Amino acid sequence: MDATTDHRWLMQYHIVNLVNQCRRLIRAEFDESLSLTDPALRQKLAHYAGRTRSQGMQRLYGEIRLALLELEGEDPPQVPANSSAVRLYRGQPVHGRNPENKTPPVQRQRKELTYRGRKVVQG
């Protein structure tokens, strides 16, 4: 999966039904509430399905995996957590304050305005 969140798989009713059943079992067994809008929902489901002792949850997760394979095909390779992926905001790359990024921020020209006879800097 790339940097953007892709929740098209949650638009399938039968998959959402299975995911909600898994969420209830996870909440009961691990006391952890998972959100459908969480970008790492797939990974968390896989994590808890691997840790659970409940055969019902393992069966439900197996059904989810089969439905996802039919819907999307094979999973893309996992991106390591320490890799510096480009963050996007509304489809545009966001340049945050990364310690790796040593370039100084671009200075904007400040506009001088006159307000009640005094020069003020707008910025």
N, C-alpha and C. Protein backbone atom coordinates (compact mmCIF):
# COMPACT_ATOMS: atom_id res chain seq x y z
N MET A 1 0.84 -1.17 0.00
CA MET A 1 0.00 0.00 0.00
C MET A 1 0.89 1.23 0.00
N ASP A 2 0.54 2.25 -0.74
CA ASP A 2 1.37 3.44 -0.79
C ASP A 2 1.03 4.36 0.37
N ALA A 3 1.52 5.58 0.32
CA ALA A 3 1.36 6.50 1.45
C ALA A 3 -0.09 6.91 1.68
N THR A 4 -0.90 6.85 0.65
CA THR A 4 -2.30 7.23 0.82
C THR A 4 -3.08 6.07 1.42
N THR A 5 -4.13 6.41 2.11
CA THR A 5 -4.96 5.40 2.74
C THR A 5 -5.98 4.90 1.72
N ASP A 6 -6.09 3.58 1.58
CA ASP A 6 -7.00 3.00 0.62
C ASP A 6 -7.99 2.13 1.38
N HIS A 7 -9.21 2.62 1.51
CA HIS A 7 -10.25 1.89 2.23
C HIS A 7 -11.34 1.38 1.31
N ARG A 8 -11.03 1.17 0.02
CA ARG A 8 -12.05 0.67 -0.90
C ARG A 8 -12.51 -0.73 -0.51
N TRP A 9 -11.65 -1.47 0.14
CA TRP A 9 -12.02 -2.83 0.53
C TRP A 9 -13.11 -2.81 1.59
N LEU A 10 -13.24 -1.69 2.32
CA LEU A 10 -14.28 -1.58 3.34
C LEU A 10 -15.63 -1.18 2.75
N MET A 11 -15.70 -1.02 1.44
CA MET A 11 -16.97 -0.69 0.80
C MET A 11 -17.78 -1.96 0.48
N GLN A 12 -17.21 -3.10 0.72
CA GLN A 12 -17.90 -4.38 0.49
C GLN A 12 -18.61 -4.78 1.77
N TYR A 13 -19.93 -4.97 1.68
CA TYR A 13 -20.74 -5.23 2.87
C TYR A 13 -20.29 -6.48 3.61
N HIS A 14 -20.04 -7.56 2.89
CA HIS A 14 -19.69 -8.81 3.57
C HIS A 14 -18.33 -8.71 4.26
N ILE A 15 -17.40 -7.92 3.71
CA ILE A 15 -16.10 -7.75 4.34
C ILE A 15 -16.25 -6.90 5.61
N VAL A 16 -17.05 -5.83 5.52
CA VAL A 16 -17.26 -4.98 6.69
C VAL A 16 -17.94 -5.77 7.81
N ASN A 17 -18.86 -6.63 7.44
CA ASN A 17 -19.54 -7.48 8.43
C ASN A 17 -18.52 -8.37 9.15
N LEU A 18 -17.62 -8.99 8.40
CA LEU A 18 -16.59 -9.84 9.01
C LEU A 18 -15.62 -9.03 9.86
N VAL A 19 -15.24 -7.84 9.38
CA VAL A 19 -14.33 -6.99 10.14
C VAL A 19 -14.97 -6.55 11.46
N ASN A 20 -16.24 -6.21 11.42
CA ASN A 20 -16.92 -5.81 12.65
C ASN A 20 -17.00 -6.96 13.65
N GLN A 21 -17.21 -8.18 13.16
CA GLN A 21 -17.21 -9.33 14.06
C GLN A 21 -15.83 -9.50 14.69
N CYS A 22 -14.78 -9.33 13.88
CA CYS A 22 -13.41 -9.43 14.41
C CYS A 22 -13.15 -8.33 15.43
N ARG A 23 -13.63 -7.12 15.15
CA ARG A 23 -13.42 -6.01 16.09
C ARG A 23 -14.08 -6.31 17.43
N ARG A 24 -15.27 -6.91 17.41
CA ARG A 24 -15.95 -7.26 18.67
C ARG A 24 -15.15 -8.30 19.44
N LEU A 25 -14.64 -9.30 18.74
CA LEU A 25 -13.84 -10.34 19.41
C LEU A 25 -12.54 -9.76 19.97
N ILE A 26 -11.91 -8.86 19.23
CA ILE A 26 -10.67 -8.23 19.70
C ILE A 26 -10.95 -7.38 20.94
N ARG A 27 -12.06 -6.65 20.91
CA ARG A 27 -12.42 -5.83 22.07
C ARG A 27 -12.68 -6.70 23.29
N ALA A 28 -13.32 -7.85 23.08
CA ALA A 28 -13.61 -8.74 24.20
C ALA A 28 -12.35 -9.42 24.75
N GLU A 29 -11.45 -9.84 23.86
CA GLU A 29 -10.28 -10.60 24.30
C GLU A 29 -9.11 -9.72 24.72
N PHE A 30 -8.83 -8.66 23.95
CA PHE A 30 -7.64 -7.85 24.19
C PHE A 30 -7.95 -6.48 24.79
N ASP A 31 -9.22 -6.13 24.91
CA ASP A 31 -9.64 -4.83 25.41
C ASP A 31 -9.04 -3.70 24.58
N GLU A 32 -9.05 -3.87 23.27
CA GLU A 32 -8.51 -2.89 22.33
C GLU A 32 -9.60 -2.57 21.31
N SER A 33 -9.90 -1.28 21.17
CA SER A 33 -10.92 -0.86 20.21
C SER A 33 -10.25 -0.45 18.91
N LEU A 34 -10.62 -1.09 17.82
CA LEU A 34 -10.09 -0.76 16.51
C LEU A 34 -11.10 0.09 15.77
N SER A 35 -10.60 1.07 15.03
CA SER A 35 -11.45 1.96 14.25
C SER A 35 -11.42 1.55 12.79
N LEU A 36 -12.56 1.67 12.12
CA LEU A 36 -12.61 1.35 10.70
C LEU A 36 -11.83 2.37 9.87
N THR A 37 -11.61 3.55 10.41
CA THR A 37 -10.87 4.59 9.67
C THR A 37 -9.38 4.54 9.94
N ASP A 38 -8.92 3.62 10.74
CA ASP A 38 -7.50 3.50 11.05
C ASP A 38 -6.74 3.06 9.79
N PRO A 39 -5.70 3.79 9.39
CA PRO A 39 -4.96 3.40 8.19
C PRO A 39 -4.27 2.03 8.33
N ALA A 40 -3.97 1.61 9.54
CA ALA A 40 -3.28 0.34 9.76
C ALA A 40 -4.25 -0.75 10.21
N LEU A 41 -5.51 -0.65 9.83
CA LEU A 41 -6.51 -1.62 10.27
C LEU A 41 -6.17 -3.03 9.83
N ARG A 42 -5.74 -3.19 8.60
CA ARG A 42 -5.39 -4.53 8.10
C ARG A 42 -4.26 -5.15 8.92
N GLN A 43 -3.24 -4.35 9.19
CA GLN A 43 -2.11 -4.86 9.94
C GLN A 43 -2.51 -5.21 11.37
N LYS A 44 -3.36 -4.40 11.98
CA LYS A 44 -3.78 -4.68 13.34
C LYS A 44 -4.66 -5.93 13.40
N LEU A 45 -5.52 -6.10 12.40
CA LEU A 45 -6.33 -7.33 12.36
C LEU A 45 -5.43 -8.55 12.25
N ALA A 46 -4.43 -8.47 11.39
CA ALA A 46 -3.51 -9.59 11.23
C ALA A 46 -2.73 -9.85 12.52
N HIS A 47 -2.32 -8.78 13.19
CA HIS A 47 -1.57 -8.91 14.44
C HIS A 47 -2.41 -9.64 15.49
N TYR A 48 -3.63 -9.17 15.70
CA TYR A 48 -4.47 -9.79 16.73
C TYR A 48 -4.93 -11.18 16.33
N ALA A 49 -5.12 -11.43 15.03
CA ALA A 49 -5.50 -12.78 14.59
C ALA A 49 -4.36 -13.75 14.86
N GLY A 50 -3.12 -13.29 14.77
CA GLY A 50 -1.98 -14.15 15.06
C GLY A 50 -1.79 -14.39 16.55
N ARG A 51 -2.25 -13.47 17.40
CA ARG A 51 -2.06 -13.61 18.85
C ARG A 51 -3.23 -14.30 19.55
N THR A 52 -4.38 -14.37 18.92
CA THR A 52 -5.57 -14.85 19.60
C THR A 52 -5.54 -16.35 19.82
N ARG A 53 -6.31 -16.76 20.83
CA ARG A 53 -6.51 -18.19 21.07
C ARG A 53 -7.86 -18.64 20.53
N SER A 54 -8.65 -17.67 20.09
CA SER A 54 -10.00 -17.95 19.61
C SER A 54 -9.95 -18.48 18.18
N GLN A 55 -10.47 -19.68 18.00
CA GLN A 55 -10.52 -20.24 16.65
C GLN A 55 -11.54 -19.51 15.80
N GLY A 56 -12.57 -18.96 16.44
CA GLY A 56 -13.57 -18.20 15.71
C GLY A 56 -12.98 -16.96 15.06
N MET A 57 -12.11 -16.28 15.79
CA MET A 57 -11.49 -15.10 15.21
C MET A 57 -10.51 -15.47 14.11
N GLN A 58 -9.78 -16.54 14.30
CA GLN A 58 -8.87 -16.99 13.25
C GLN A 58 -9.64 -17.37 11.98
N ARG A 59 -10.80 -17.99 12.17
CA ARG A 59 -11.63 -18.36 11.02
C ARG A 59 -12.15 -17.10 10.32
N LEU A 60 -12.61 -16.11 11.12
CA LEU A 60 -13.11 -14.86 10.53
C LEU A 60 -12.01 -14.13 9.77
N TYR A 61 -10.82 -14.08 10.34
CA TYR A 61 -9.72 -13.41 9.66
C TYR A 61 -9.35 -14.14 8.37
N GLY A 62 -9.42 -15.47 8.39
CA GLY A 62 -9.18 -16.24 7.17
C GLY A 62 -10.20 -15.91 6.09
N GLU A 63 -11.46 -15.73 6.49
CA GLU A 63 -12.48 -15.36 5.52
C GLU A 63 -12.23 -13.95 4.96
N ILE A 64 -11.78 -13.05 5.82
CA ILE A 64 -11.46 -11.69 5.36
C ILE A 64 -10.32 -11.74 4.36
N ARG A 65 -9.29 -12.51 4.66
CA ARG A 65 -8.14 -12.63 3.74
C ARG A 65 -8.56 -13.20 2.40
N LEU A 66 -9.41 -14.23 2.41
CA LEU A 66 -9.88 -14.81 1.15
C LEU A 66 -10.70 -13.79 0.34
N ALA A 67 -11.57 -13.04 1.03
CA ALA A 67 -12.37 -12.03 0.34
C ALA A 67 -11.48 -10.93 -0.24
N LEU A 68 -10.43 -10.55 0.49
CA LEU A 68 -9.51 -9.53 -0.01
C LEU A 68 -8.69 -10.04 -1.19
N LEU A 69 -8.31 -11.30 -1.16
CA LEU A 69 -7.58 -11.87 -2.29
C LEU A 69 -8.44 -11.90 -3.54
N GLU A 70 -9.72 -12.23 -3.37
CA GLU A 70 -10.63 -12.23 -4.52
C GLU A 70 -10.86 -10.81 -5.04
N LEU A 71 -10.93 -9.85 -4.12
CA LEU A 71 -11.24 -8.47 -4.49
C LEU A 71 -10.03 -7.74 -5.08
N GLU A 72 -8.87 -7.85 -4.43
CA GLU A 72 -7.71 -7.05 -4.81
C GLU A 72 -6.52 -7.84 -5.31
N GLY A 73 -6.50 -9.13 -5.11
CA GLY A 73 -5.33 -9.91 -5.48
C GLY A 73 -4.36 -9.98 -4.32
N GLU A 74 -3.11 -10.30 -4.61
CA GLU A 74 -2.09 -10.43 -3.57
C GLU A 74 -1.80 -9.09 -2.91
N ASP A 75 -1.39 -9.14 -1.64
CA ASP A 75 -1.02 -7.94 -0.91
C ASP A 75 0.30 -7.40 -1.43
N PRO A 76 0.44 -6.08 -1.50
CA PRO A 76 1.74 -5.51 -1.85
C PRO A 76 2.72 -5.71 -0.70
N PRO A 77 4.02 -5.66 -0.97
CA PRO A 77 4.99 -5.83 0.11
C PRO A 77 4.87 -4.72 1.15
N GLN A 78 5.17 -5.08 2.41
CA GLN A 78 5.09 -4.13 3.52
C GLN A 78 6.22 -3.10 3.41
N VAL A 79 5.92 -1.85 3.75
CA VAL A 79 6.92 -0.80 3.79
C VAL A 79 7.48 -0.76 5.21
N PRO A 80 8.80 -0.82 5.39
CA PRO A 80 9.36 -0.77 6.74
C PRO A 80 8.97 0.54 7.43
N ALA A 81 8.82 0.47 8.75
CA ALA A 81 8.36 1.62 9.53
C ALA A 81 9.39 2.74 9.55
N ASN A 82 10.68 2.42 9.41
CA ASN A 82 11.71 3.45 9.51
C ASN A 82 11.99 4.14 8.17
N SER A 83 11.33 3.73 7.10
CA SER A 83 11.55 4.38 5.82
C SER A 83 10.86 5.73 5.81
N SER A 84 11.44 6.67 5.10
CA SER A 84 10.88 8.02 5.08
C SER A 84 9.95 8.15 3.88
N ALA A 85 8.69 7.83 4.08
CA ALA A 85 7.70 7.95 3.02
C ALA A 85 7.27 9.41 2.93
N VAL A 86 6.92 9.83 1.75
CA VAL A 86 6.48 11.19 1.53
C VAL A 86 5.05 11.32 2.04
N ARG A 87 4.83 12.28 2.92
CA ARG A 87 3.49 12.52 3.43
C ARG A 87 2.73 13.37 2.42
N LEU A 88 1.44 13.04 2.25
CA LEU A 88 0.61 13.77 1.31
C LEU A 88 -0.51 14.46 2.05
N TYR A 89 -0.87 15.65 1.60
CA TYR A 89 -2.03 16.36 2.09
C TYR A 89 -2.80 16.81 0.87
N ARG A 90 -4.01 16.28 0.71
CA ARG A 90 -4.86 16.56 -0.44
C ARG A 90 -4.13 16.30 -1.75
N GLY A 91 -3.35 15.23 -1.77
CA GLY A 91 -2.65 14.83 -2.98
C GLY A 91 -1.34 15.53 -3.24
N GLN A 92 -0.97 16.49 -2.42
CA GLN A 92 0.28 17.22 -2.60
C GLN A 92 1.27 16.80 -1.52
N PRO A 93 2.56 16.68 -1.86
CA PRO A 93 3.55 16.29 -0.84
C PRO A 93 3.71 17.38 0.21
N VAL A 94 3.85 16.94 1.46
CA VAL A 94 4.02 17.85 2.58
C VAL A 94 5.46 17.73 3.05
N HIS A 95 6.13 18.85 3.15
CA HIS A 95 7.51 18.86 3.62
C HIS A 95 7.50 19.28 5.07
N GLY A 96 7.58 18.31 5.96
CA GLY A 96 7.53 18.59 7.40
C GLY A 96 8.90 18.88 7.93
N ARG A 97 8.98 18.88 9.23
CA ARG A 97 10.25 19.14 9.91
C ARG A 97 10.97 17.82 10.15
N ASN A 98 11.63 17.32 9.15
CA ASN A 98 12.38 16.07 9.27
C ASN A 98 13.81 16.40 9.68
N PRO A 99 14.38 15.64 10.61
CA PRO A 99 15.78 15.87 10.95
C PRO A 99 16.71 15.57 9.78
N GLU A 100 16.25 14.72 8.84
CA GLU A 100 17.07 14.40 7.68
C GLU A 100 17.10 15.56 6.69
N ASN A 101 16.04 16.37 6.68
CA ASN A 101 15.94 17.49 5.76
C ASN A 101 16.69 18.68 6.34
N LYS A 102 17.87 18.99 5.79
CA LYS A 102 18.70 20.04 6.35
C LYS A 102 18.54 21.36 5.60
N THR A 103 17.68 21.42 4.60
CA THR A 103 17.51 22.66 3.85
C THR A 103 16.65 23.62 4.65
N PRO A 104 17.04 24.89 4.68
CA PRO A 104 16.25 25.87 5.45
C PRO A 104 14.93 26.14 4.73
N PRO A 105 13.89 26.50 5.49
CA PRO A 105 12.62 26.80 4.85
C PRO A 105 12.73 28.06 4.00
N VAL A 106 11.91 28.13 2.98
CA VAL A 106 11.92 29.26 2.06
C VAL A 106 11.28 30.46 2.75
N GLN A 107 11.96 31.59 2.70
CA GLN A 107 11.45 32.82 3.30
C GLN A 107 10.48 33.49 2.33
N ARG A 108 9.31 33.81 2.84
CA ARG A 108 8.34 34.53 2.02
C ARG A 108 8.61 36.02 2.15
N GLN A 109 8.32 36.74 1.08
CA GLN A 109 8.43 38.19 1.16
C GLN A 109 7.26 38.71 1.97
N ARG A 110 7.58 39.60 2.88
CA ARG A 110 6.54 40.17 3.72
C ARG A 110 6.00 41.42 3.06
N LYS A 111 4.70 41.54 3.14
CA LYS A 111 4.02 42.67 2.56
C LYS A 111 3.88 43.77 3.59
N GLU A 112 4.21 44.97 3.23
CA GLU A 112 4.02 46.08 4.14
C GLU A 112 2.72 46.77 3.79
N LEU A 113 1.92 46.98 4.78
CA LEU A 113 0.66 47.67 4.60
C LEU A 113 0.64 48.90 5.50
N THR A 114 -0.15 49.83 5.13
CA THR A 114 -0.35 51.01 5.95
C THR A 114 -1.71 50.90 6.62
N TYR A 115 -1.71 50.93 7.94
CA TYR A 115 -2.94 50.83 8.69
C TYR A 115 -3.00 52.02 9.63
N ARG A 116 -3.99 52.89 9.42
CA ARG A 116 -4.16 54.09 10.22
C ARG A 116 -2.87 54.92 10.29
N GLY A 117 -2.22 55.02 9.16
CA GLY A 117 -1.04 55.87 9.05
C GLY A 117 0.25 55.22 9.50
N ARG A 118 0.20 53.95 9.93
CA ARG A 118 1.42 53.27 10.38
C ARG A 118 1.72 52.10 9.45
N LYS A 119 3.00 51.85 9.26
CA LYS A 119 3.42 50.71 8.45
C LYS A 119 3.33 49.44 9.31
N VAL A 120 2.66 48.45 8.79
CA VAL A 120 2.56 47.16 9.49
C VAL A 120 3.03 46.08 8.54
N VAL A 121 3.61 45.03 9.12
CA VAL A 121 4.09 43.90 8.33
C VAL A 121 3.05 42.80 8.42
N GLN A 122 2.64 42.32 7.25
CA GLN A 122 1.66 41.23 7.22
C GLN A 122 2.41 39.95 6.85
N GLY A 123 2.16 38.92 7.59
CA GLY A 123 2.90 37.71 7.27
C GLY A 123 2.28 36.58 7.90
